[in-house]
Amino acid sequence: MSAPNPPRQAAGSAGSLQAVLLSVLVHAAVVGLLGWGFWRYRAPKPAPQQLAIEATVVIDKSTTPAPAPAASVAPAPAIQPAPTPATPDTQVQQRERQQREQQLREQRAHEQQQRAADERAEHERVLREQREQAEAEQQRREQEAAAQKAAAQKAAAQKAADAAQAAKDKARRESELRAQMAQEERINAARGSAAAAEWLSLIRDRVTRRWIRPASATHGLNCEVNVTQVPGGEVTHVEIGSCNGDAAVRESIEAAVMRASPLPSPSNPDLFDRNLRFNFRPDE
């Protein structure tokens, strides 16, 4: 009765091995499906292309059936598309997009740097103009101050020169006045001297010798004679003042004075007088 047991044990062992292998294959398939799904999920999706479709809807009211009442049917669940693996074209587009973004960032950074440089240059230009204006204003003020100082010094020097010239002129006038007063004193003293009377006597005698007596001249003739002469005795003008003779007598005396020119010079130069006056008395 115990002989059939070994085949049963062998069959049971074979069935257990098949169950283990099947379990391993199932698990491997599950793991593979999970890995493939994860890879598809992580891969970038290509941008969907939109096709422009122009359509015209024509509704025929006569044949359009009335809409059926909406049935209360539960909406079908949305089917999620499986992730597609990245193609070489997608990778190229991604690199180009990254390059464009990098170029855009670099361009924006360059523009920001350029704006900052322009702002710094403008700020420096404004500061330079302000500094130049301040320097020009300071130079103008210094020039004005120097000009005012020079003008003040020139005015002071001119004032001092004018004062010195005025003092010199005053001293000269005082000196001339003193000399003139001294000369007049000498002249007055000389003209009241015997030398002056002698000089006038010489002049009267010289005129009398040159006088031609007219027939109308009476005895006791006395005429005042005014003579203008220059140094050296040259007569330039004769005028008869009070006279007890007629016109012929006056003319004869004037002619005699002109013929007597040049008149005798005085022995003392102080006696000389440009306007000489004496009395003509030929009968004395």
C-alpha atoms as a PDB file:
ATOM      1  CA  MET A   1       0.000   0.000   0.000  1.00  0.00           C
ATOM      2  CA  SER A   2       2.919   2.312   0.513  1.00  0.00           C
ATOM      3  CA  ALA A   3       4.475   2.000  -3.003  1.00  0.00           C
ATOM      4  CA  PRO A   4       2.712   4.886  -4.825  1.00  0.00           C
ATOM      5  CA  ASN A   5       3.949   7.679  -2.445  1.00  0.00           C
ATOM      6  CA  PRO A   6       7.236   8.564  -4.256  1.00  0.00           C
ATOM      7  CA  PRO A   7       5.595   9.696  -7.530  1.00  0.00           C
ATOM      8  CA  ARG A   8       3.267  11.945  -5.661  1.00  0.00           C
ATOM      9  CA  GLN A   9       6.149  13.603  -3.872  1.00  0.00           C
ATOM     10  CA  ALA A  10       7.960  14.213  -7.170  1.00  0.00           C
ATOM     11  CA  ALA A  11       4.896  15.765  -8.734  1.00  0.00           C
ATOM     12  CA  GLY A  12       4.441  18.048  -5.759  1.00  0.00           C
ATOM     13  CA  SER A  13       8.026  19.244  -5.975  1.00  0.00           C
ATOM     14  CA  ALA A  14       7.674  20.058  -9.688  1.00  0.00           C
ATOM     15  CA  GLY A  15       4.510  22.062  -9.065  1.00  0.00           C
ATOM     16  CA  SER A  16       6.164  24.129  -6.360  1.00  0.00           C
ATOM     17  CA  LEU A  17       9.095  25.020  -8.666  1.00  0.00           C
ATOM     18  CA  GLN A  18       6.743  26.159 -11.416  1.00  0.00           C
ATOM     19  CA  ALA A  19       4.871  28.358  -8.946  1.00  0.00           C
ATOM     20  CA  VAL A  20       8.095  30.010  -7.815  1.00  0.00           C
ATOM     21  CA  LEU A  21       9.217  30.703 -11.383  1.00  0.00           C
ATOM     22  CA  LEU A  22       5.849  32.179 -12.297  1.00  0.00           C
ATOM     23  CA  SER A  23       5.936  34.408  -9.267  1.00  0.00           C
ATOM     24  CA  VAL A  24       9.411  35.644 -10.180  1.00  0.00           C
ATOM     25  CA  LEU A  25       8.356  36.392 -13.767  1.00  0.00           C
ATOM     26  CA  VAL A  26       5.278  38.287 -12.599  1.00  0.00           C
ATOM     27  CA  HIS A  27       7.311  40.405 -10.231  1.00  0.00           C
ATOM     28  CA  ALA A  28       9.901  41.141 -12.904  1.00  0.00           C
ATOM     29  CA  ALA A  29       7.189  42.219 -15.324  1.00  0.00           C
ATOM     30  CA  VAL A  30       5.654  44.501 -12.705  1.00  0.00           C
ATOM     31  CA  VAL A  31       9.033  46.075 -11.932  1.00  0.00           C
ATOM     32  CA  GLY A  32       9.697  46.592 -15.660  1.00  0.00           C
ATOM     33  CA  LEU A  33       6.327  48.239 -16.204  1.00  0.00           C
ATOM     34  CA  LEU A  34       6.924  50.543 -13.219  1.00  0.00           C
ATOM     35  CA  GLY A  35      10.396  51.549 -14.521  1.00  0.00           C
ATOM     36  CA  TRP A  36       9.120  52.172 -18.045  1.00  0.00           C
ATOM     37  CA  GLY A  37       6.237  54.288 -16.736  1.00  0.00           C
ATOM     38  CA  PHE A  38       8.583  56.310 -14.507  1.00  0.00           C
ATOM     39  CA  TRP A  39      10.956  56.918 -17.462  1.00  0.00           C
ATOM     40  CA  ARG A  40       8.087  58.057 -19.686  1.00  0.00           C
ATOM     41  CA  TYR A  41       6.828  60.402 -16.941  1.00  0.00           C
ATOM     42  CA  ARG A  42      10.239  62.064 -16.420  1.00  0.00           C
ATOM     43  CA  ALA A  43      10.962  62.564 -20.160  1.00  0.00           C
ATOM     44  CA  PRO A  44      10.106  66.094 -21.524  1.00  0.00           C
ATOM     45  CA  LYS A  45       6.926  66.268 -23.531  1.00  0.00           C
ATOM     46  CA  PRO A  46       7.040  67.815 -27.008  1.00  0.00           C
ATOM     47  CA  ALA A  47       5.078  70.955 -27.478  1.00  0.00           C
ATOM     48  CA  PRO A  48       1.721  70.207 -29.006  1.00  0.00           C
ATOM     49  CA  GLN A  49       1.173  71.674 -32.454  1.00  0.00           C
ATOM     50  CA  GLN A  50      -2.012  73.555 -33.042  1.00  0.00           C
ATOM     51  CA  LEU A  51      -3.485  73.295 -36.482  1.00  0.00           C
ATOM     52  CA  ALA A  52      -5.461  76.242 -37.753  1.00  0.00           C
ATOM     53  CA  ILE A  53      -8.784  74.926 -38.974  1.00  0.00           C
ATOM     54  CA  GLU A  54     -11.324  77.160 -40.576  1.00  0.00           C
ATOM     55  CA  ALA A  55     -14.859  75.807 -40.476  1.00  0.00           C
ATOM     56  CA  THR A  56     -18.280  77.136 -41.250  1.00  0.00           C
ATOM     57  CA  VAL A  57     -21.252  75.757 -39.382  1.00  0.00           C
ATOM     58  CA  VAL A  58     -24.435  75.606 -41.421  1.00  0.00           C
ATOM     59  CA  ILE A  59     -27.609  74.941 -39.473  1.00  0.00           C
ATOM     60  CA  ASP A  60     -30.751  73.967 -41.270  1.00  0.00           C
ATOM     61  CA  LYS A  61     -33.569  74.895 -38.992  1.00  0.00           C
ATOM     62  CA  SER A  62     -36.086  72.877 -40.947  1.00  0.00           C
ATOM     63  CA  THR A  63     -34.242  69.579 -40.624  1.00  0.00           C
ATOM     64  CA  THR A  64     -32.470  70.086 -37.302  1.00  0.00           C
ATOM     65  CA  PRO A  65     -33.931  67.660 -34.774  1.00  0.00           C
ATOM     66  CA  ALA A  66     -34.753  68.818 -31.298  1.00  0.00           C
ATOM     67  CA  PRO A  67     -32.020  68.109 -28.807  1.00  0.00           C
ATOM     68  CA  ALA A  68     -32.539  64.986 -26.832  1.00  0.00           C
ATOM     69  CA  PRO A  69     -32.770  65.359 -23.110  1.00  0.00           C
ATOM     70  CA  ALA A  70     -29.453  64.912 -21.418  1.00  0.00           C
ATOM     71  CA  ALA A  71     -29.153  61.551 -19.831  1.00  0.00           C
ATOM     72  CA  SER A  72     -27.818  61.373 -16.386  1.00  0.00           C
ATOM     73  CA  VAL A  73     -24.730  59.456 -17.331  1.00  0.00           C
ATOM     74  CA  ALA A  74     -21.594  59.719 -15.288  1.00  0.00           C
ATOM     75  CA  PRO A  75     -18.649  61.279 -17.248  1.00  0.00           C
ATOM     76  CA  ALA A  76     -15.973  58.927 -18.389  1.00  0.00           C
ATOM     77  CA  PRO A  77     -12.657  59.262 -16.597  1.00  0.00           C
ATOM     78  CA  ALA A  78     -10.011  61.265 -18.442  1.00  0.00           C
ATOM     79  CA  ILE A  79      -7.371  59.119 -20.034  1.00  0.00           C
ATOM     80  CA  GLN A  80      -3.853  60.360 -19.215  1.00  0.00           C
ATOM     81  CA  PRO A  81      -1.517  60.067 -22.202  1.00  0.00           C
ATOM     82  CA  ALA A  82       1.487  57.974 -21.600  1.00  0.00           C
ATOM     83  CA  PRO A  83       4.776  59.931 -21.440  1.00  0.00           C
ATOM     84  CA  THR A  84       6.756  59.790 -24.616  1.00  0.00           C
ATOM     85  CA  PRO A  85      10.515  59.473 -24.629  1.00  0.00           C
ATOM     86  CA  ALA A  86      12.601  62.527 -25.642  1.00  0.00           C
ATOM     87  CA  THR A  87      13.613  62.513 -29.288  1.00  0.00           C
ATOM     88  CA  PRO A  88      16.832  64.060 -30.701  1.00  0.00           C
ATOM     89  CA  ASP A  89      14.766  66.911 -32.229  1.00  0.00           C
ATOM     90  CA  THR A  90      13.269  67.710 -28.829  1.00  0.00           C
ATOM     91  CA  GLN A  91      16.708  67.786 -27.222  1.00  0.00           C
ATOM     92  CA  VAL A  92      17.996  70.141 -29.944  1.00  0.00           C
ATOM     93  CA  GLN A  93      15.026  72.455 -29.454  1.00  0.00           C
ATOM     94  CA  GLN A  94      15.601  72.380 -25.704  1.00  0.00           C
ATOM     95  CA  ARG A  95      19.275  73.271 -26.161  1.00  0.00           C
ATOM     96  CA  GLU A  96      18.351  76.070 -28.589  1.00  0.00           C
ATOM     97  CA  ARG A  97      15.758  77.369 -26.116  1.00  0.00           C
ATOM     98  CA  GLN A  98      18.335  77.282 -23.331  1.00  0.00           C
ATOM     99  CA  GLN A  99      20.834  79.069 -25.583  1.00  0.00           C
ATOM    100  CA  ARG A 100      18.251  81.733 -26.455  1.00  0.00           C
ATOM    101  CA  GLU A 101      17.416  82.184 -22.779  1.00  0.00           C
ATOM    102  CA  GLN A 102      21.138  82.429 -21.977  1.00  0.00           C
ATOM    103  CA  GLN A 103      21.633  84.980 -24.766  1.00  0.00           C
ATOM    104  CA  LEU A 104      18.610  86.933 -23.520  1.00  0.00           C
ATOM    105  CA  ARG A 105      19.998  86.934 -19.981  1.00  0.00           C
ATOM    106  CA  GLU A 106      23.409  88.045 -21.251  1.00  0.00           C
ATOM    107  CA  GLN A 107      21.818  90.759 -23.380  1.00  0.00           C
ATOM    108  CA  ARG A 108      19.805  92.038 -20.423  1.00  0.00           C
ATOM    109  CA  ALA A 109      22.896  91.993 -18.217  1.00  0.00           C
ATOM    110  CA  HIS A 110      24.823  93.871 -20.925  1.00  0.00           C
ATOM    111  CA  GLU A 111      22.023  96.430 -21.213  1.00  0.00           C
ATOM    112  CA  GLN A 112      21.974  96.886 -17.451  1.00  0.00           C
ATOM    113  CA  GLN A 113      25.743  97.357 -17.427  1.00  0.00           C
ATOM    114  CA  GLN A 114      25.476  99.823 -20.326  1.00  0.00           C
ATOM    115  CA  ARG A 115      22.747 101.790 -18.533  1.00  0.00           C
ATOM    116  CA  ALA A 116      24.834 101.841 -15.365  1.00  0.00           C
ATOM    117  CA  ALA A 117      27.868 103.016 -17.358  1.00  0.00           C
ATOM    118  CA  ASP A 118      25.776 105.711 -19.068  1.00  0.00           C
ATOM    119  CA  GLU A 119      24.407 106.861 -15.720  1.00  0.00           C
ATOM    120  CA  ARG A 120      27.927 106.999 -14.260  1.00  0.00           C
ATOM    121  CA  ALA A 121      29.168 108.934 -17.308  1.00  0.00           C
ATOM    122  CA  GLU A 122      26.243 111.368 -17.072  1.00  0.00           C
ATOM    123  CA  HIS A 123      26.844 111.807 -13.351  1.00  0.00           C
ATOM    124  CA  GLU A 124      30.546 112.429 -13.947  1.00  0.00           C
ATOM    125  CA  ARG A 125      29.698 114.900 -16.750  1.00  0.00           C
ATOM    126  CA  VAL A 126      27.347 116.833 -14.466  1.00  0.00           C
ATOM    127  CA  LEU A 127      29.967 116.869 -11.702  1.00  0.00           C
ATOM    128  CA  ARG A 128      32.635 117.997 -14.188  1.00  0.00           C
ATOM    129  CA  GLU A 129      30.407 120.802 -15.497  1.00  0.00           C
ATOM    130  CA  GLN A 130      29.608 121.900 -11.954  1.00  0.00           C
ATOM    131  CA  ARG A 131      33.310 121.832 -11.068  1.00  0.00           C
ATOM    132  CA  GLU A 132      34.214 123.790 -14.214  1.00  0.00           C
ATOM    133  CA  GLN A 133      31.473 126.327 -13.503  1.00  0.00           C
ATOM    134  CA  ALA A 134      32.690 126.704  -9.925  1.00  0.00           C
ATOM    135  CA  GLU A 135      36.296 127.126 -11.114  1.00  0.00           C
ATOM    136  CA  ALA A 136      35.223 129.660 -13.749  1.00  0.00           C
ATOM    137  CA  GLU A 137      33.189 131.575 -11.159  1.00  0.00           C
ATOM    138  CA  GLN A 138      36.131 131.522  -8.737  1.00  0.00           C
ATOM    139  CA  GLN A 139      38.472 132.725 -11.504  1.00  0.00           C
ATOM    140  CA  ARG A 140      36.027 135.478 -12.460  1.00  0.00           C
ATOM    141  CA  ARG A 141      35.802 136.622  -8.851  1.00  0.00           C
ATOM    142  CA  GLU A 142      39.577 136.580  -8.507  1.00  0.00           C
ATOM    143  CA  GLN A 143      39.940 138.574 -11.731  1.00  0.00           C
ATOM    144  CA  GLU A 144      37.344 141.093 -10.541  1.00  0.00           C
ATOM    145  CA  ALA A 145      39.081 141.376  -7.182  1.00  0.00           C
ATOM    146  CA  ALA A 146      42.458 141.821  -8.904  1.00  0.00           C
ATOM    147  CA  ALA A 147      40.974 144.416 -11.261  1.00  0.00           C
ATOM    148  CA  GLN A 148      39.389 146.290  -8.369  1.00  0.00           C
ATOM    149  CA  LYS A 149      42.646 146.153  -6.425  1.00  0.00           C
ATOM    150  CA  ALA A 150      44.606 147.373  -9.444  1.00  0.00           C
ATOM    151  CA  ALA A 151      42.065 150.139 -10.037  1.00  0.00           C
ATOM    152  CA  ALA A 152      42.245 151.156  -6.373  1.00  0.00           C
ATOM    153  CA  GLN A 153      46.045 151.168  -6.482  1.00  0.00           C
ATOM    154  CA  LYS A 154      46.010 153.165  -9.714  1.00  0.00           C
ATOM    155  CA  ALA A 155      43.533 155.637  -8.249  1.00  0.00           C
ATOM    156  CA  ALA A 156      45.631 155.958  -5.097  1.00  0.00           C
ATOM    157  CA  ALA A 157      48.796 156.448  -7.166  1.00  0.00           C
ATOM    158  CA  GLN A 158      47.032 159.000  -9.375  1.00  0.00           C
ATOM    159  CA  LYS A 159      45.730 160.780  -6.297  1.00  0.00           C
ATOM    160  CA  ALA A 160      49.210 160.863  -4.780  1.00  0.00           C
ATOM    161  CA  ALA A 161      50.656 162.078  -8.094  1.00  0.00           C
ATOM    162  CA  ASP A 162      47.961 164.751  -8.341  1.00  0.00           C
ATOM    163  CA  ALA A 163      48.644 165.812  -4.775  1.00  0.00           C
ATOM    164  CA  ALA A 164      52.376 165.954  -5.457  1.00  0.00           C
ATOM    165  CA  GLN A 165      51.805 167.894  -8.688  1.00  0.00           C
ATOM    166  CA  ALA A 166      49.428 170.250  -6.904  1.00  0.00           C
ATOM    167  CA  ALA A 167      52.026 170.805  -4.206  1.00  0.00           C
ATOM    168  CA  LYS A 168      54.685 171.455  -6.865  1.00  0.00           C
ATOM    169  CA  ASP A 169      52.390 173.810  -8.733  1.00  0.00           C
ATOM    170  CA  LYS A 170      51.544 175.615  -5.537  1.00  0.00           C
ATOM    171  CA  ALA A 171      55.192 175.899  -4.619  1.00  0.00           C
ATOM    172  CA  ARG A 172      56.009 177.095  -8.143  1.00  0.00           C
ATOM    173  CA  ARG A 173      53.229 179.673  -8.081  1.00  0.00           C
ATOM    174  CA  GLU A 174      54.321 180.872  -4.672  1.00  0.00           C
ATOM    175  CA  SER A 175      57.910 181.055  -5.888  1.00  0.00           C
ATOM    176  CA  GLU A 176      56.861 182.908  -9.015  1.00  0.00           C
ATOM    177  CA  LEU A 177      54.691 185.217  -6.966  1.00  0.00           C
ATOM    178  CA  ARG A 178      57.545 185.934  -4.600  1.00  0.00           C
ATOM    179  CA  ALA A 179      59.888 186.497  -7.532  1.00  0.00           C
ATOM    180  CA  GLN A 180      57.336 188.734  -9.221  1.00  0.00           C
ATOM    181  CA  MET A 181      56.775 190.689  -6.051  1.00  0.00           C
ATOM    182  CA  ALA A 182      60.502 191.025  -5.586  1.00  0.00           C
ATOM    183  CA  GLN A 183      60.886 192.133  -9.217  1.00  0.00           C
ATOM    184  CA  GLU A 184      58.069 194.625  -8.881  1.00  0.00           C
ATOM    185  CA  GLU A 185      59.679 195.958  -5.766  1.00  0.00           C
ATOM    186  CA  ARG A 186      62.964 196.286  -7.600  1.00  0.00           C
ATOM    187  CA  ILE A 187      61.247 197.860 -10.614  1.00  0.00           C
ATOM    188  CA  ASN A 188      59.321 200.291  -8.463  1.00  0.00           C
ATOM    189  CA  ALA A 189      62.460 201.149  -6.612  1.00  0.00           C
ATOM    190  CA  ALA A 190      64.365 201.510  -9.882  1.00  0.00           C
ATOM    191  CA  ARG A 191      61.684 203.611 -11.579  1.00  0.00           C
ATOM    192  CA  GLY A 192      61.700 206.022  -8.736  1.00  0.00           C
ATOM    193  CA  SER A 193      65.417 206.352  -8.957  1.00  0.00           C
ATOM    194  CA  ALA A 194      67.571 208.895 -10.810  1.00  0.00           C
ATOM    195  CA  ALA A 195      68.451 206.206 -13.399  1.00  0.00           C
ATOM    196  CA  ALA A 196      64.769 205.974 -14.462  1.00  0.00           C
ATOM    197  CA  ALA A 197      64.513 209.757 -14.834  1.00  0.00           C
ATOM    198  CA  GLU A 198      67.706 209.749 -16.842  1.00  0.00           C
ATOM    199  CA  TRP A 199      66.384 206.941 -19.178  1.00  0.00           C
ATOM    200  CA  LEU A 200      63.110 208.847 -19.798  1.00  0.00           C
ATOM    201  CA  SER A 201      65.115 211.995 -20.507  1.00  0.00           C
ATOM    202  CA  LEU A 202      67.129 210.137 -23.139  1.00  0.00           C
ATOM    203  CA  ILE A 203      63.893 208.908 -24.787  1.00  0.00           C
ATOM    204  CA  ARG A 204      62.335 212.425 -24.827  1.00  0.00           C
ATOM    205  CA  ASP A 205      65.508 213.894 -26.295  1.00  0.00           C
ATOM    206  CA  ARG A 206      65.649 211.225 -29.009  1.00  0.00           C
ATOM    207  CA  VAL A 207      61.971 211.815 -29.940  1.00  0.00           C
ATOM    208  CA  THR A 208      62.421 215.602 -29.875  1.00  0.00           C
ATOM    209  CA  ARG A 209      65.365 215.383 -32.268  1.00  0.00           C
ATOM    210  CA  ARG A 210      63.221 213.297 -34.629  1.00  0.00           C
ATOM    211  CA  TRP A 211      60.218 215.669 -34.353  1.00  0.00           C
ATOM    212  CA  ILE A 212      59.358 218.000 -37.214  1.00  0.00           C
ATOM    213  CA  ARG A 213      57.503 220.962 -35.770  1.00  0.00           C
ATOM    214  CA  PRO A 214      54.298 221.791 -37.635  1.00  0.00           C
ATOM    215  CA  ALA A 215      53.198 225.390 -38.191  1.00  0.00           C
ATOM    216  CA  SER A 216      50.229 224.944 -35.866  1.00  0.00           C
ATOM    217  CA  ALA A 217      52.390 224.001 -32.879  1.00  0.00           C
ATOM    218  CA  THR A 218      52.248 226.741 -30.207  1.00  0.00           C
ATOM    219  CA  HIS A 219      54.810 227.570 -27.564  1.00  0.00           C
ATOM    220  CA  GLY A 220      54.507 225.565 -24.331  1.00  0.00           C
ATOM    221  CA  LEU A 221      53.358 222.342 -26.045  1.00  0.00           C
ATOM    222  CA  ASN A 222      52.711 219.472 -23.591  1.00  0.00           C
ATOM    223  CA  CYS A 223      51.420 216.094 -24.771  1.00  0.00           C
ATOM    224  CA  GLU A 224      51.170 212.696 -23.026  1.00  0.00           C
ATOM    225  CA  VAL A 225      52.752 209.929 -25.148  1.00  0.00           C
ATOM    226  CA  ASN A 226      51.968 206.195 -24.629  1.00  0.00           C
ATOM    227  CA  VAL A 227      54.471 203.876 -26.319  1.00  0.00           C
ATOM    228  CA  THR A 228      54.365 200.071 -26.660  1.00  0.00           C
ATOM    229  CA  GLN A 229      57.785 198.533 -27.235  1.00  0.00           C
ATOM    230  CA  VAL A 230      59.486 195.155 -27.220  1.00  0.00           C
ATOM    231  CA  PRO A 231      62.792 194.247 -25.611  1.00  0.00           C
ATOM    232  CA  GLY A 232      65.488 196.047 -27.567  1.00  0.00           C
ATOM    233  CA  GLY A 233      63.462 199.283 -27.827  1.00  0.00           C
ATOM    234  CA  GLU A 234      61.531 198.486 -31.061  1.00  0.00           C
ATOM    235  CA  VAL A 235      58.289 200.544 -31.045  1.00  0.00           C
ATOM    236  CA  THR A 236      55.134 198.664 -32.031  1.00  0.00           C
ATOM    237  CA  HIS A 237      52.445 201.196 -31.202  1.00  0.00           C
ATOM    238  CA  VAL A 238      52.097 204.912 -30.372  1.00  0.00           C
ATOM    239  CA  GLU A 239      49.097 206.662 -28.913  1.00  0.00           C
ATOM    240  CA  ILE A 240      48.796 210.349 -27.875  1.00  0.00           C
ATOM    241  CA  GLY A 241      46.868 211.006 -24.702  1.00  0.00           C
ATOM    242  CA  SER A 242      46.040 214.453 -23.356  1.00  0.00           C
ATOM    243  CA  CYS A 243      47.625 217.118 -25.543  1.00  0.00           C
ATOM    244  CA  ASN A 244      47.234 220.918 -26.026  1.00  0.00           C
ATOM    245  CA  GLY A 245      48.025 220.617 -29.762  1.00  0.00           C
ATOM    246  CA  ASP A 246      45.835 219.979 -32.768  1.00  0.00           C
ATOM    247  CA  ALA A 247      45.663 216.898 -34.975  1.00  0.00           C
ATOM    248  CA  ALA A 248      48.685 217.919 -36.993  1.00  0.00           C
ATOM    249  CA  VAL A 249      50.728 218.225 -33.806  1.00  0.00           C
ATOM    250  CA  ARG A 250      49.551 214.791 -32.645  1.00  0.00           C
ATOM    251  CA  GLU A 251      50.454 213.185 -35.938  1.00  0.00           C
ATOM    252  CA  SER A 252      53.858 214.851 -35.912  1.00  0.00           C
ATOM    253  CA  ILE A 253      54.629 213.494 -32.420  1.00  0.00           C
ATOM    254  CA  GLU A 254      53.575 209.956 -33.426  1.00  0.00           C
ATOM    255  CA  ALA A 255      55.778 210.143 -36.503  1.00  0.00           C
ATOM    256  CA  ALA A 256      58.693 211.376 -34.390  1.00  0.00           C
ATOM    257  CA  VAL A 257      58.354 208.410 -31.979  1.00  0.00           C
ATOM    258  CA  MET A 258      58.309 205.927 -34.873  1.00  0.00           C
ATOM    259  CA  ARG A 259      61.415 207.569 -36.384  1.00  0.00           C
ATOM    260  CA  ALA A 260      63.139 207.404 -32.979  1.00  0.00           C
ATOM    261  CA  SER A 261      62.645 203.572 -32.839  1.00  0.00           C
ATOM    262  CA  PRO A 262      64.486 201.687 -31.532  1.00  0.00           C
ATOM    263  CA  LEU A 263      64.433 203.666 -28.324  1.00  0.00           C
ATOM    264  CA  PRO A 264      67.453 203.820 -25.991  1.00  0.00           C
ATOM    265  CA  SER A 265      67.799 200.841 -23.569  1.00  0.00           C
ATOM    266  CA  PRO A 266      67.990 201.546 -19.842  1.00  0.00           C
ATOM    267  CA  SER A 267      71.210 201.004 -17.970  1.00  0.00           C
ATOM    268  CA  ASN A 268      69.314 198.815 -15.460  1.00  0.00           C
ATOM    269  CA  PRO A 269      67.213 195.992 -17.035  1.00  0.00           C
ATOM    270  CA  ASP A 270      64.693 196.372 -14.220  1.00  0.00           C
ATOM    271  CA  LEU A 271      63.744 199.738 -15.635  1.00  0.00           C
ATOM    272  CA  PHE A 272      62.494 198.329 -18.944  1.00  0.00           C
ATOM    273  CA  ASP A 273      58.731 198.660 -19.424  1.00  0.00           C
ATOM    274  CA  ARG A 274      56.812 197.401 -22.430  1.00  0.00           C
ATOM    275  CA  ASN A 275      54.176 200.096 -21.916  1.00  0.00           C
ATOM    276  CA  LEU A 276      56.141 203.296 -21.575  1.00  0.00           C
ATOM    277  CA  ARG A 277      54.533 206.660 -20.760  1.00  0.00           C
ATOM    278  CA  PHE A 278      56.196 210.083 -20.792  1.00  0.00           C
ATOM    279  CA  ASN A 279      55.321 213.800 -21.385  1.00  0.00           C
ATOM    280  CA  PHE A 280      56.531 215.367 -24.602  1.00  0.00           C
ATOM    281  CA  ARG A 281      57.599 219.035 -23.913  1.00  0.00           C
ATOM    282  CA  PRO A 282      59.793 220.198 -26.774  1.00  0.00           C
ATOM    283  CA  ASP A 283      60.107 223.775 -25.512  1.00  0.00           C
ATOM    284  CA  GLU A 284      61.749 222.942 -22.178  1.00  0.00           C
END
